PDB file of N, CA and C in Angstrom:
ATOM      1  N   HIS A   1       6.543 -22.344  -2.235  1.00  0.00           N
ATOM      2  CA  HIS A   1       5.469 -22.809  -1.372  1.00  0.00           C
ATOM      3  C   HIS A   1       5.497 -24.330  -1.238  1.00  0.00           C
ATOM      4  N   TYR A   2       5.717 -24.997  -2.357  1.00  0.00           N
ATOM      5  CA  TYR A   2       5.774 -26.456  -2.316  1.00  0.00           C
ATOM      6  C   TYR A   2       6.901 -26.929  -1.405  1.00  0.00           C
ATOM      7  N   LEU A   3       8.086 -26.359  -1.566  1.00  0.00           N
ATOM      8  CA  LEU A   3       9.220 -26.799  -0.753  1.00  0.00           C
ATOM      9  C   LEU A   3       8.982 -26.545   0.732  1.00  0.00           C
ATOM     10  N   MET A   4       8.303 -25.458   1.054  1.00  0.00           N
ATOM     11  CA  MET A   4       8.082 -25.125   2.465  1.00  0.00           C
ATOM     12  C   MET A   4       7.022 -26.019   3.102  1.00  0.00           C
ATOM     13  N   THR A   5       6.077 -26.522   2.310  1.00  0.00           N
ATOM     14  CA  THR A   5       4.973 -27.269   2.904  1.00  0.00           C
ATOM     15  C   THR A   5       4.991 -28.764   2.614  1.00  0.00           C
ATOM     16  N   GLU A   6       5.514 -29.160   1.465  1.00  0.00           N
ATOM     17  CA  GLU A   6       5.378 -30.546   1.055  1.00  0.00           C
ATOM     18  C   GLU A   6       6.689 -31.320   0.996  1.00  0.00           C
ATOM     19  N   ALA A   7       7.810 -30.658   0.900  1.00  0.00           N
ATOM     20  CA  ALA A   7       9.074 -31.360   0.634  1.00  0.00           C
ATOM     21  C   ALA A   7       9.880 -31.662   1.887  1.00  0.00           C
ATOM     22  N   GLY A   8       9.290 -31.508   3.038  1.00  0.00           N
ATOM     23  CA  GLY A   8      10.009 -31.835   4.264  1.00  0.00           C
ATOM     24  C   GLY A   8      10.416 -30.591   5.033  1.00  0.00           C
ATOM     25  N   GLN A   9      10.558 -30.769   6.325  1.00  0.00           N
ATOM     26  CA  GLN A   9      10.849 -29.644   7.210  1.00  0.00           C
ATOM     27  C   GLN A   9      12.209 -29.019   6.965  1.00  0.00           C
ATOM     28  N   GLU A  10      13.163 -29.787   6.504  1.00  0.00           N
ATOM     29  CA  GLU A  10      14.503 -29.236   6.302  1.00  0.00           C
ATOM     30  C   GLU A  10      14.497 -28.121   5.265  1.00  0.00           C
ATOM     31  N   TYR A  11      13.779 -28.312   4.158  1.00  0.00           N
ATOM     32  CA  TYR A  11      13.690 -27.259   3.142  1.00  0.00           C
ATOM     33  C   TYR A  11      12.991 -26.024   3.708  1.00  0.00           C
ATOM     34  N   GLY A  12      11.946 -26.252   4.472  1.00  0.00           N
ATOM     35  CA  GLY A  12      11.231 -25.127   5.081  1.00  0.00           C
ATOM     36  C   GLY A  12      12.134 -24.314   5.984  1.00  0.00           C
ATOM     37  N   ARG A  13      12.958 -25.000   6.769  1.00  0.00           N
ATOM     38  CA  ARG A  13      13.884 -24.301   7.675  1.00  0.00           C
ATOM     39  C   ARG A  13      14.903 -23.491   6.878  1.00  0.00           C
ATOM     40  N   ILE A  14      15.468 -24.093   5.851  1.00  0.00           N
ATOM     41  CA  ILE A  14      16.476 -23.401   5.038  1.00  0.00           C
ATOM     42  C   ILE A  14      15.876 -22.182   4.355  1.00  0.00           C
ATOM     43  N   ILE A  15      14.719 -22.343   3.758  1.00  0.00           N
ATOM     44  CA  ILE A  15      14.069 -21.230   3.065  1.00  0.00           C
ATOM     45  C   ILE A  15      13.714 -20.121   4.048  1.00  0.00           C
ATOM     46  N   ALA A  16      13.177 -20.491   5.197  1.00  0.00           N
ATOM     47  CA  ALA A  16      12.819 -19.484   6.203  1.00  0.00           C
ATOM     48  C   ALA A  16      14.051 -18.726   6.676  1.00  0.00           C
ATOM     49  N   GLU A  17      15.131 -19.436   6.953  1.00  0.00           N
ATOM     50  CA  GLU A  17      16.345 -18.786   7.442  1.00  0.00           C
ATOM     51  C   GLU A  17      17.001 -17.901   6.385  1.00  0.00           C
ATOM     52  N   GLU A  18      17.020 -18.363   5.139  1.00  0.00           N
ATOM     53  CA  GLU A  18      17.729 -17.611   4.096  1.00  0.00           C
ATOM     54  C   GLU A  18      16.908 -16.500   3.462  1.00  0.00           C
ATOM     55  N   PHE A  19      15.595 -16.642   3.442  1.00  0.00           N
ATOM     56  CA  PHE A  19      14.760 -15.629   2.790  1.00  0.00           C
ATOM     57  C   PHE A  19      13.923 -14.824   3.781  1.00  0.00           C
ATOM     58  N   ALA A  20      13.210 -15.520   4.657  1.00  0.00           N
ATOM     59  CA  ALA A  20      12.295 -14.813   5.553  1.00  0.00           C
ATOM     60  C   ALA A  20      13.028 -14.064   6.666  1.00  0.00           C
ATOM     61  N   ARG A  21      14.017 -14.710   7.299  1.00  0.00           N
ATOM     62  CA  ARG A  21      14.686 -14.055   8.433  1.00  0.00           C
ATOM     63  C   ARG A  21      15.292 -12.701   8.070  1.00  0.00           C
ATOM     64  N   PRO A  22      16.047 -12.578   6.960  1.00  0.00           N
ATOM     65  CA  PRO A  22      16.581 -11.252   6.618  1.00  0.00           C
ATOM     66  C   PRO A  22      15.479 -10.212   6.395  1.00  0.00           C
ATOM     67  N   LEU A  23      14.382 -10.633   5.797  1.00  0.00           N
ATOM     68  CA  LEU A  23      13.267  -9.711   5.571  1.00  0.00           C
ATOM     69  C   LEU A  23      12.639  -9.292   6.897  1.00  0.00           C
ATOM     70  N   VAL A  24      12.401 -10.255   7.769  1.00  0.00           N
ATOM     71  CA  VAL A  24      11.822  -9.950   9.085  1.00  0.00           C
ATOM     72  C   VAL A  24      12.751  -9.037   9.881  1.00  0.00           C
ATOM     73  N   ASP A  25      14.041  -9.326   9.859  1.00  0.00           N
ATOM     74  CA  ASP A  25      14.997  -8.484  10.590  1.00  0.00           C
ATOM     75  C   ASP A  25      14.978  -7.046  10.068  1.00  0.00           C
ATOM     76  N   THR A  26      14.927  -6.897   8.756  1.00  0.00           N
ATOM     77  CA  THR A  26      14.895  -5.559   8.162  1.00  0.00           C
ATOM     78  C   THR A  26      13.589  -4.848   8.487  1.00  0.00           C
ATOM     79  N   GLN A  27      12.475  -5.542   8.320  1.00  0.00           N
ATOM     80  CA  GLN A  27      11.178  -4.939   8.644  1.00  0.00           C
ATOM     81  C   GLN A  27      11.122  -4.536  10.116  1.00  0.00           C
ATOM     82  N   SER A  28      11.606  -5.392  10.992  1.00  0.00           N
ATOM     83  CA  SER A  28      11.583  -5.092  12.433  1.00  0.00           C
ATOM     84  C   SER A  28      12.409  -3.853  12.753  1.00  0.00           C
ATOM     85  N   ALA A  29      13.573  -3.726  12.121  1.00  0.00           N
ATOM     86  CA  ALA A  29      14.419  -2.544  12.348  1.00  0.00           C
ATOM     87  C   ALA A  29      13.725  -1.276  11.851  1.00  0.00           C
ATOM     88  N   ILE A  30      13.084  -1.352  10.706  1.00  0.00           N
ATOM     89  CA  ILE A  30      12.361  -0.186  10.164  1.00  0.00           C
ATOM     90  C   ILE A  30      11.200   0.189  11.079  1.00  0.00           C
ATOM     91  N   LEU A  31      10.442  -0.801  11.534  1.00  0.00           N
ATOM     92  CA  LEU A  31       9.323  -0.523  12.443  1.00  0.00           C
ATOM     93  C   LEU A  31       9.817   0.105  13.743  1.00  0.00           C
ATOM     94  N   LYS A  32      10.889  -0.450  14.303  1.00  0.00           N
ATOM     95  CA  LYS A  32      11.442   0.068  15.561  1.00  0.00           C
ATOM     96  C   LYS A  32      11.913   1.508  15.391  1.00  0.00           C
ATOM     97  N   GLU A  33      12.612   1.782  14.303  1.00  0.00           N
ATOM     98  CA  GLU A  33      13.092   3.143  14.061  1.00  0.00           C
ATOM     99  C   GLU A  33      11.925   4.108  13.851  1.00  0.00           C
ATOM    100  N   GLY A  34      10.938   3.684  13.088  1.00  0.00           N
ATOM    101  CA  GLY A  34       9.765   4.536  12.869  1.00  0.00           C
ATOM    102  C   GLY A  34       9.006   4.816  14.153  1.00  0.00           C
ATOM    103  N   GLN A  35       8.926   3.815  15.021  1.00  0.00           N
ATOM    104  CA  GLN A  35       8.270   4.007  16.313  1.00  0.00           C
ATOM    105  C   GLN A  35       9.073   4.979  17.177  1.00  0.00           C
ATOM    106  N   ALA A  36      10.384   4.832  17.184  1.00  0.00           N
ATOM    107  CA  ALA A  36      11.248   5.704  17.987  1.00  0.00           C
ATOM    108  C   ALA A  36      11.142   7.157  17.536  1.00  0.00           C
ATOM    109  N   GLN A  37      10.930   7.368  16.252  1.00  0.00           N
ATOM    110  CA  GLN A  37      10.805   8.721  15.705  1.00  0.00           C
ATOM    111  C   GLN A  37       9.378   9.254  15.773  1.00  0.00           C
ATOM    112  N   GLY A  38       8.454   8.440  16.280  1.00  0.00           N
ATOM    113  CA  GLY A  38       7.059   8.859  16.377  1.00  0.00           C
ATOM    114  C   GLY A  38       6.308   8.810  15.054  1.00  0.00           C
ATOM    115  N   LEU A  39       6.895   8.138  14.057  1.00  0.00           N
ATOM    116  CA  LEU A  39       6.259   8.055  12.745  1.00  0.00           C
ATOM    117  C   LEU A  39       5.289   6.890  12.630  1.00  0.00           C
ATOM    118  N   PHE A  40       5.511   5.833  13.426  1.00  0.00           N
ATOM    119  CA  PHE A  40       4.676   4.630  13.370  1.00  0.00           C
ATOM    120  C   PHE A  40       4.106   4.328  14.743  1.00  0.00           C
ATOM    121  N   LEU A  41       2.929   3.761  14.751  1.00  0.00           N
ATOM    122  CA  LEU A  41       2.390   3.190  15.970  1.00  0.00           C
ATOM    123  C   LEU A  41       3.185   1.938  16.320  1.00  0.00           C
ATOM    124  N   GLU A  42       3.101   1.498  17.575  1.00  0.00           N
ATOM    125  CA  GLU A  42       3.744   0.246  17.942  1.00  0.00           C
ATOM    126  C   GLU A  42       3.093  -0.874  17.138  1.00  0.00           C
ATOM    127  N   THR A  43       3.914  -1.670  16.485  1.00  0.00           N
ATOM    128  CA  THR A  43       3.427  -2.705  15.578  1.00  0.00           C
ATOM    129  C   THR A  43       4.154  -4.006  15.828  1.00  0.00           C
ATOM    130  N   ASP A  44       3.415  -5.072  15.938  1.00  0.00           N
ATOM    131  CA  ASP A  44       3.983  -6.399  16.135  1.00  0.00           C
ATOM    132  C   ASP A  44       4.666  -6.845  14.838  1.00  0.00           C
ATOM    133  N   PRO A  45       5.986  -7.074  14.857  1.00  0.00           N
ATOM    134  CA  PRO A  45       6.690  -7.479  13.637  1.00  0.00           C
ATOM    135  C   PRO A  45       6.143  -8.761  13.014  1.00  0.00           C
ATOM    136  N   LEU A  46       5.676  -9.697  13.828  1.00  0.00           N
ATOM    137  CA  LEU A  46       5.095 -10.927  13.305  1.00  0.00           C
ATOM    138  C   LEU A  46       3.850 -10.615  12.475  1.00  0.00           C
ATOM    139  N   MET A  47       2.951  -9.817  13.038  1.00  0.00           N
ATOM    140  CA  MET A  47       1.713  -9.471  12.335  1.00  0.00           C
ATOM    141  C   MET A  47       2.007  -8.657  11.074  1.00  0.00           C
ATOM    142  N   PHE A  48       2.956  -7.739  11.176  1.00  0.00           N
ATOM    143  CA  PHE A  48       3.316  -6.926  10.011  1.00  0.00           C
ATOM    144  C   PHE A  48       3.848  -7.804   8.888  1.00  0.00           C
ATOM    145  N   TYR A  49       4.755  -8.724   9.207  1.00  0.00           N
ATOM    146  CA  TYR A  49       5.357  -9.601   8.209  1.00  0.00           C
ATOM    147  C   TYR A  49       4.280 -10.409   7.484  1.00  0.00           C
ATOM    148  N   PHE A  50       3.408 -11.076   8.238  1.00  0.00           N
ATOM    149  CA  PHE A  50       2.402 -11.919   7.596  1.00  0.00           C
ATOM    150  C   PHE A  50       1.346 -11.102   6.864  1.00  0.00           C
ATOM    151  N   HIS A  51       1.035  -9.917   7.360  1.00  0.00           N
ATOM    152  CA  HIS A  51       0.093  -9.041   6.655  1.00  0.00           C
ATOM    153  C   HIS A  51       0.649  -8.652   5.290  1.00  0.00           C
ATOM    154  N   LEU A  52       1.868  -8.159   5.283  1.00  0.00           N
ATOM    155  CA  LEU A  52       2.469  -7.683   4.043  1.00  0.00           C
ATOM    156  C   LEU A  52       2.786  -8.823   3.077  1.00  0.00           C
ATOM    157  N   VAL A  53       3.471  -9.843   3.545  1.00  0.00           N
ATOM    158  CA  VAL A  53       3.863 -10.946   2.661  1.00  0.00           C
ATOM    159  C   VAL A  53       2.631 -11.719   2.210  1.00  0.00           C
ATOM    160  N   GLY A  54       1.692 -11.940   3.112  1.00  0.00           N
ATOM    161  CA  GLY A  54       0.464 -12.646   2.737  1.00  0.00           C
ATOM    162  C   GLY A  54      -0.320 -11.894   1.684  1.00  0.00           C
ATOM    163  N   ALA A  55      -0.409 -10.589   1.836  1.00  0.00           N
ATOM    164  CA  ALA A  55      -1.127  -9.780   0.846  1.00  0.00           C
ATOM    165  C   ALA A  55      -0.445  -9.865  -0.510  1.00  0.00           C
ATOM    166  N   CYS A  56       0.856  -9.793  -0.510  1.00  0.00           N
ATOM    167  CA  CYS A  56       1.595  -9.864  -1.780  1.00  0.00           C
ATOM    168  C   CYS A  56       1.493 -11.247  -2.401  1.00  0.00           C
ATOM    169  N   ASP A  57       1.620 -12.269  -1.591  1.00  0.00           N
ATOM    170  CA  ASP A  57       1.517 -13.646  -2.077  1.00  0.00           C
ATOM    171  C   ASP A  57       0.180 -13.924  -2.745  1.00  0.00           C
ATOM    172  N   TYR A  58      -0.878 -13.503  -2.103  1.00  0.00           N
ATOM    173  CA  TYR A  58      -2.194 -13.953  -2.544  1.00  0.00           C
ATOM    174  C   TYR A  58      -2.606 -13.393  -3.899  1.00  0.00           C
ATOM    175  N   LEU A  59      -2.111 -12.249  -4.278  1.00  0.00           N
ATOM    176  CA  LEU A  59      -2.445 -11.742  -5.612  1.00  0.00           C
ATOM    177  C   LEU A  59      -2.034 -12.758  -6.669  1.00  0.00           C
ATOM    178  N   PHE A  60      -0.910 -13.411  -6.461  1.00  0.00           N
ATOM    179  CA  PHE A  60      -0.395 -14.364  -7.448  1.00  0.00           C
ATOM    180  C   PHE A  60      -0.934 -15.773  -7.253  1.00  0.00           C
ATOM    181  N   PHE A  61      -1.221 -16.165  -6.026  1.00  0.00           N
ATOM    182  CA  PHE A  61      -1.737 -17.507  -5.774  1.00  0.00           C
ATOM    183  C   PHE A  61      -3.265 -17.544  -5.800  1.00  0.00           C
ATOM    184  N   GLY A  62      -3.891 -16.413  -5.928  1.00  0.00           N
ATOM    185  CA  GLY A  62      -5.348 -16.349  -6.013  1.00  0.00           C
ATOM    186  C   GLY A  62      -5.843 -16.175  -7.442  1.00  0.00           C
ATOM    187  N   ARG A  63      -5.117 -16.713  -8.390  1.00  0.00           N
ATOM    188  CA  ARG A  63      -5.471 -16.538  -9.806  1.00  0.00           C
ATOM    189  C   ARG A  63      -6.871 -17.053 -10.129  1.00  0.00           C
ATOM    190  N   ALA A  64      -7.294 -18.151  -9.507  1.00  0.00           N
ATOM    191  CA  ALA A  64      -8.636 -18.671  -9.778  1.00  0.00           C
ATOM    192  C   ALA A  64      -9.692 -17.657  -9.352  1.00  0.00           C
ATOM    193  N   THR A  65      -9.496 -17.024  -8.218  1.00  0.00           N
ATOM    194  CA  THR A  65     -10.437 -15.999  -7.754  1.00  0.00           C
ATOM    195  C   THR A  65     -10.408 -14.794  -8.680  1.00  0.00           C
ATOM    196  N   LEU A  66      -9.212 -14.371  -9.071  1.00  0.00           N
ATOM    197  CA  LEU A  66      -9.111 -13.257 -10.020  1.00  0.00           C
ATOM    198  C   LEU A  66      -9.920 -13.543 -11.276  1.00  0.00           C
ATOM    199  N   ASP A  67      -9.762 -14.739 -11.815  1.00  0.00           N
ATOM    200  CA  ASP A  67     -10.424 -15.113 -13.061  1.00  0.00           C
ATOM    201  C   ASP A  67     -11.927 -15.309 -12.872  1.00  0.00           C
ATOM    202  N   HIS A  68     -12.313 -16.189 -11.973  1.00  0.00           N
ATOM    203  CA  HIS A  68     -13.715 -16.597 -11.865  1.00  0.00           C
ATOM    204  C   HIS A  68     -14.601 -15.606 -11.129  1.00  0.00           C
ATOM    205  N   VAL A  69     -14.040 -14.816 -10.250  1.00  0.00           N
ATOM    206  CA  VAL A  69     -14.844 -13.845  -9.495  1.00  0.00           C
ATOM    207  C   VAL A  69     -14.754 -12.450 -10.103  1.00  0.00           C
ATOM    208  N   PHE A  70     -13.544 -12.057 -10.515  1.00  0.00           N
ATOM    209  CA  PHE A  70     -13.341 -10.698 -11.003  1.00  0.00           C
ATOM    210  C   PHE A  70     -13.162 -10.604 -12.507  1.00  0.00           C
ATOM    211  N   GLY A  71     -13.096 -11.736 -13.194  1.00  0.00           N
ATOM    212  CA  GLY A  71     -12.929 -11.726 -14.649  1.00  0.00           C
ATOM    213  C   GLY A  71     -11.564 -11.258 -15.114  1.00  0.00           C
ATOM    214  N   VAL A  72     -10.562 -11.374 -14.256  1.00  0.00           N
ATOM    215  CA  VAL A  72      -9.204 -10.951 -14.591  1.00  0.00           C
ATOM    216  C   VAL A  72      -8.398 -12.184 -14.980  1.00  0.00           C
ATOM    217  N   GLN A  73      -8.011 -12.259 -16.251  1.00  0.00           N
ATOM    218  CA  GLN A  73      -7.261 -13.424 -16.719  1.00  0.00           C
ATOM    219  C   GLN A  73      -5.745 -13.223 -16.653  1.00  0.00           C
ATOM    220  N   GLU A  74      -5.294 -11.988 -16.536  1.00  0.00           N
ATOM    221  CA  GLU A  74      -3.858 -11.714 -16.563  1.00  0.00           C
ATOM    222  C   GLU A  74      -3.498 -10.692 -15.495  1.00  0.00           C
ATOM    223  N   ILE A  75      -2.385 -10.946 -14.814  1.00  0.00           N
ATOM    224  CA  ILE A  75      -1.870  -9.976 -13.845  1.00  0.00           C
ATOM    225  C   ILE A  75      -0.949  -9.039 -14.620  1.00  0.00           C
ATOM    226  N   THR A  76      -1.478  -7.894 -14.972  1.00  0.00           N
ATOM    227  CA  THR A  76      -0.739  -6.923 -15.788  1.00  0.00           C
ATOM    228  C   THR A  76       0.106  -6.010 -14.908  1.00  0.00           C
ATOM    229  N   GLN A  77       0.970  -5.243 -15.545  1.00  0.00           N
ATOM    230  CA  GLN A  77       1.771  -4.251 -14.816  1.00  0.00           C
ATOM    231  C   GLN A  77       0.853  -3.239 -14.136  1.00  0.00           C
ATOM    232  N   ASP A  78      -0.223  -2.853 -14.815  1.00  0.00           N
ATOM    233  CA  ASP A  78      -1.175  -1.900 -14.232  1.00  0.00           C
ATOM    234  C   ASP A  78      -1.820  -2.480 -12.967  1.00  0.00           C
ATOM    235  N   LEU A  79      -2.243  -3.740 -13.020  1.00  0.00           N
ATOM    236  CA  LEU A  79      -2.846  -4.381 -11.852  1.00  0.00           C
ATOM    237  C   LEU A  79      -1.831  -4.456 -10.711  1.00  0.00           C
ATOM    238  N   LYS A  80      -0.609  -4.843 -11.013  1.00  0.00           N
ATOM    239  CA  LYS A  80       0.438  -4.894  -9.987  1.00  0.00           C
ATOM    240  C   LYS A  80       0.636  -3.531  -9.350  1.00  0.00           C
ATOM    241  N   ARG A  81       0.710  -2.475 -10.162  1.00  0.00           N
ATOM    242  CA  ARG A  81       0.922  -1.114  -9.651  1.00  0.00           C
ATOM    243  C   ARG A  81      -0.249  -0.688  -8.774  1.00  0.00           C
ATOM    244  N   ARG A  82      -1.471  -0.949  -9.224  1.00  0.00           N
ATOM    245  CA  ARG A  82      -2.650  -0.602  -8.424  1.00  0.00           C
ATOM    246  C   ARG A  82      -2.629  -1.332  -7.086  1.00  0.00           C
ATOM    247  N   TYR A  83      -2.233  -2.601  -7.126  1.00  0.00           N
ATOM    248  CA  TYR A  83      -2.186  -3.407  -5.907  1.00  0.00           C
ATOM    249  C   TYR A  83      -1.108  -2.896  -4.954  1.00  0.00           C
ATOM    250  N   VAL A  84       0.062  -2.602  -5.481  1.00  0.00           N
ATOM    251  CA  VAL A  84       1.137  -2.044  -4.655  1.00  0.00           C
ATOM    252  C   VAL A  84       0.681  -0.736  -4.012  1.00  0.00           C
ATOM    253  N   ASP A  85       0.052   0.131  -4.789  1.00  0.00           N
ATOM    254  CA  ASP A  85      -0.442   1.405  -4.253  1.00  0.00           C
ATOM    255  C   ASP A  85      -1.462   1.176  -3.142  1.00  0.00           C
ATOM    256  N   HIS A  86      -2.353   0.204  -3.356  1.00  0.00           N
ATOM    257  CA  HIS A  86      -3.372  -0.092  -2.348  1.00  0.00           C
ATOM    258  C   HIS A  86      -2.733  -0.605  -1.051  1.00  0.00           C
ATOM    259  N   ILE A  87      -1.820  -1.562  -1.180  1.00  0.00           N
ATOM    260  CA  ILE A  87      -1.148  -2.114   0.002  1.00  0.00           C
ATOM    261  C   ILE A  87      -0.358  -1.020   0.715  1.00  0.00           C
ATOM    262  N   TYR A  88       0.349  -0.203  -0.053  1.00  0.00           N
ATOM    263  CA  TYR A  88       1.130   0.893   0.530  1.00  0.00           C
ATOM    264  C   TYR A  88       0.227   1.839   1.329  1.00  0.00           C
ATOM    265  N   GLN A  89      -0.877   2.269   0.725  1.00  0.00           N
ATOM    266  CA  GLN A  89      -1.797   3.186   1.411  1.00  0.00           C
ATOM    267  C   GLN A  89      -2.382   2.543   2.664  1.00  0.00           C
ATOM    268  N   THR A  90      -2.768   1.290   2.572  1.00  0.00           N
ATOM    269  CA  THR A  90      -3.349   0.586   3.716  1.00  0.00           C
ATOM    270  C   THR A  90      -2.348   0.493   4.859  1.00  0.00           C
ATOM    271  N   LEU A  91      -1.133   0.105   4.540  1.00  0.00           N
ATOM    272  CA  LEU A  91      -0.129  -0.045   5.594  1.00  0.00           C
ATOM    273  C   LEU A  91       0.328   1.289   6.178  1.00  0.00           C
ATOM    274  N   THR A  92       0.595   2.256   5.321  1.00  0.00           N
ATOM    275  CA  THR A  92       1.100   3.521   5.858  1.00  0.00           C
ATOM    276  C   THR A  92       0.039   4.241   6.682  1.00  0.00           C
ATOM    277  N   LYS A  93      -1.198   4.197   6.250  1.00  0.00           N
ATOM    278  CA  LYS A  93      -2.262   4.819   7.047  1.00  0.00           C
ATOM    279  C   LYS A  93      -2.500   4.052   8.333  1.00  0.00           C
ATOM    280  N   GLY A  94      -2.337   2.722   8.276  1.00  0.00           N
ATOM    281  CA  GLY A  94      -2.515   1.904   9.472  1.00  0.00           C
ATOM    282  C   GLY A  94      -1.404   2.045  10.479  1.00  0.00           C
ATOM    283  N   LEU A  95      -0.216   2.412  10.040  1.00  0.00           N
ATOM    284  CA  LEU A  95       0.920   2.579  10.937  1.00  0.00           C
ATOM    285  C   LEU A  95       1.021   3.982  11.521  1.00  0.00           C
ATOM    286  N   ALA A  96       0.408   4.938  10.856  1.00  0.00           N
ATOM    287  CA  ALA A  96       0.556   6.345  11.260  1.00  0.00           C
ATOM    288  C   ALA A  96      -0.206   6.637  12.554  1.00  0.00           C
ATOM    289  N   PRO A  97       0.426   7.373  13.454  1.00  0.00           N
ATOM    290  CA  PRO A  97      -0.287   7.796  14.664  1.00  0.00           C
ATOM    291  C   PRO A  97      -1.453   8.712  14.285  1.00  0.00           C
ATOM    292  N   ALA A  98      -2.480   8.686  15.092  1.00  0.00           N
ATOM    293  CA  ALA A  98      -3.672   9.499  14.809  1.00  0.00           C
ATOM    294  C   ALA A  98      -3.396  10.971  14.930  1.00  0.00           C
TER     295      ALA A  98
END
C-alpha cells in the first residue's frame, strides 16, 4: 500500500501491472465464462475486482476497528475462515441469476 500511494507513480504502475493486471484478467475471464454459461449475471469486472480485493484488504487494514469496535485483538484462522465464507456467500449469491 505504501509503495502504491506514497513512493511515487512508477512503483504503483509496476505493482499494478505485475500483481493486479493478472488477477483482473483472470477474474474477467471467469466472469465472462460464467455469464456465457448462464451461471453469473452480467458483472462489471472493475466493480468485481474492487469489491473482492477491497473486502479482503480491509480485514487486515481495519485492525483498529476490529480491536476498538469489535474487541478482536487477533486475526485468527477461525476469523479468516468465517470471513472467507461470508465473502464467498455474498459474491456467489450476488452473481447468481434469480
